[in-house]
Amino acid sequence: PVAILAQVLWLSPVMADTVYVTATFKVTPGKEAEFIEAGKVVCEATRKEEGCIYYDLVQDQEDGSTFQMVEKWTSSAALDTHLKTDHVGAFGKACTEGGMWVGGPVIQRLTQRA
């Protein structure tokens, strides 16, 4: 039964198109608390979006000025829709205009392989 369940989950069209994302941010020293507050707003709104499985802001344990958004989406289409939302635009604008990040995010789209 477990093998059959694993096959069903593996072959599911939702699982086949699942997208993982990491967005890495280098935050300006002294702006970490402000960045976290802006991150809380975008996380709360994003978690309500259709297709969002999880969307978490995490902070590096050794370098407190490095953060990542760790995301999982049901599909590339859901992710693409997310990137066009007002709250994502507002987050980017706040971070840029507030001088919160150094150079902007480094974004990776990832596909699960095992």
Protein backbone atom coordinates (compact mmCIF):
# COMPACT_ATOMS: atom_id res chain seq x y z
CA PRO A 1 0.00 0.00 0.00
CA VAL A 2 2.80 2.47 0.76
CA ALA A 3 4.42 1.84 -2.63
CA ILE A 4 1.10 2.47 -4.39
CA LEU A 5 0.57 5.68 -2.46
CA ALA A 6 4.10 6.81 -3.34
CA GLN A 7 3.39 6.09 -7.02
CA VAL A 8 0.13 8.05 -6.93
CA LEU A 9 1.82 11.03 -5.28
CA TRP A 10 4.79 10.89 -7.65
CA LEU A 11 2.57 10.78 -10.74
CA SER A 12 0.15 13.42 -9.54
CA PRO A 13 0.09 16.40 -11.94
CA VAL A 14 0.22 18.79 -8.99
CA MET A 15 3.39 17.16 -7.68
CA ALA A 16 4.95 17.00 -11.14
CA ASP A 17 4.73 20.78 -11.57
CA THR A 18 5.67 21.71 -7.99
CA VAL A 19 8.21 24.52 -7.85
CA TYR A 20 10.55 25.39 -5.01
CA VAL A 21 12.12 28.82 -4.74
CA THR A 22 14.85 30.34 -2.65
CA ALA A 23 15.31 34.09 -2.73
CA THR A 24 18.47 35.15 -0.92
CA PHE A 25 18.76 38.68 0.44
CA LYS A 26 21.84 40.41 1.79
CA VAL A 27 20.39 43.02 4.15
CA THR A 28 22.08 46.31 4.93
CA PRO A 29 23.60 46.14 8.43
CA GLY A 30 21.29 47.85 10.90
CA LYS A 31 18.22 47.28 8.68
CA GLU A 32 17.52 43.69 9.74
CA ALA A 33 14.53 44.48 12.01
CA GLU A 34 12.95 46.69 9.33
CA PHE A 35 13.47 43.95 6.73
CA ILE A 36 11.88 41.34 9.01
CA GLU A 37 8.81 43.55 9.49
CA ALA A 38 8.43 44.03 5.72
CA GLY A 39 8.94 40.28 5.31
CA LYS A 40 6.16 39.50 7.79
CA VAL A 41 3.72 41.56 5.72
CA VAL A 42 4.58 39.87 2.41
CA CYS A 43 4.62 36.40 4.02
CA GLU A 44 1.17 36.86 5.57
CA ALA A 45 -0.36 37.98 2.26
CA THR A 46 1.45 35.35 0.20
CA ARG A 47 0.39 32.44 2.40
CA LYS A 48 -3.22 33.24 1.46
CA GLU A 49 -2.53 32.92 -2.27
CA GLU A 50 -3.87 30.03 -4.29
CA GLY A 51 -1.04 27.64 -5.04
CA CYS A 52 1.20 28.64 -2.13
CA ILE A 53 2.22 25.55 -0.16
CA TYR A 54 4.63 27.42 2.08
CA TYR A 55 6.40 30.77 2.12
CA ASP A 56 8.82 31.43 4.96
CA LEU A 57 11.37 34.12 5.73
CA VAL A 58 14.43 32.60 7.41
CA GLN A 59 17.62 34.19 8.74
CA ASP A 60 21.11 32.75 8.51
CA GLN A 61 22.26 31.57 11.95
CA GLU A 62 25.86 32.64 11.37
CA ASP A 63 25.38 35.81 9.30
CA GLY A 64 22.43 37.74 10.68
CA SER A 65 22.31 40.03 7.64
CA THR A 66 21.58 37.16 5.24
CA PHE A 67 17.97 36.05 4.79
CA GLN A 68 16.07 33.72 2.48
CA MET A 69 12.48 33.37 1.41
CA VAL A 70 11.97 29.63 1.18
CA GLU A 71 8.94 28.85 -0.96
CA LYS A 72 6.98 25.95 -2.39
CA TRP A 73 4.31 26.39 -5.07
CA THR A 74 1.87 23.96 -6.66
CA SER A 75 2.88 25.17 -10.12
CA SER A 76 4.96 27.60 -12.13
CA ALA A 77 1.73 29.40 -13.02
CA ALA A 78 0.93 29.98 -9.33
CA LEU A 79 4.44 31.33 -8.78
CA ASP A 80 4.20 33.59 -11.82
CA THR A 81 0.87 34.98 -10.55
CA HIS A 82 2.46 35.58 -7.13
CA LEU A 83 5.28 37.61 -8.65
CA LYS A 84 2.72 40.03 -10.13
CA THR A 85 0.85 40.71 -6.86
CA ASP A 86 0.66 44.11 -5.20
CA HIS A 87 2.22 42.82 -1.98
CA VAL A 88 5.32 41.53 -3.77
CA GLY A 89 5.65 44.85 -5.57
CA ALA A 90 5.23 46.75 -2.30
CA PHE A 91 7.85 44.56 -0.59
CA GLY A 92 10.39 45.18 -3.35
CA LYS A 93 9.67 48.90 -3.35
CA ALA A 94 9.97 49.16 0.44
CA CYS A 95 13.27 47.26 0.44
CA THR A 96 14.72 49.30 -2.41
CA GLU A 97 13.55 52.73 -1.28
CA GLY A 98 14.34 51.94 2.36
CA GLY A 99 17.88 50.85 1.50
CA MET A 100 17.21 47.51 3.19
CA TRP A 101 19.10 45.25 0.83
CA VAL A 102 22.45 45.20 -0.87
CA GLY A 103 22.07 44.51 -4.59
CA GLY A 104 18.61 42.95 -4.54
CA PRO A 105 17.63 39.29 -4.18
CA VAL A 106 19.26 36.27 -5.81
CA ILE A 107 16.39 34.02 -6.87
CA GLN A 108 16.56 30.32 -7.71
CA ARG A 109 13.68 28.20 -9.05
CA LEU A 110 14.23 24.58 -8.11
CA THR A 111 12.73 21.23 -9.10
CA GLN A 112 12.54 18.32 -6.66
CA ARG A 113 14.43 15.27 -7.92
CA ALA A 114 14.19 12.83 -5.01
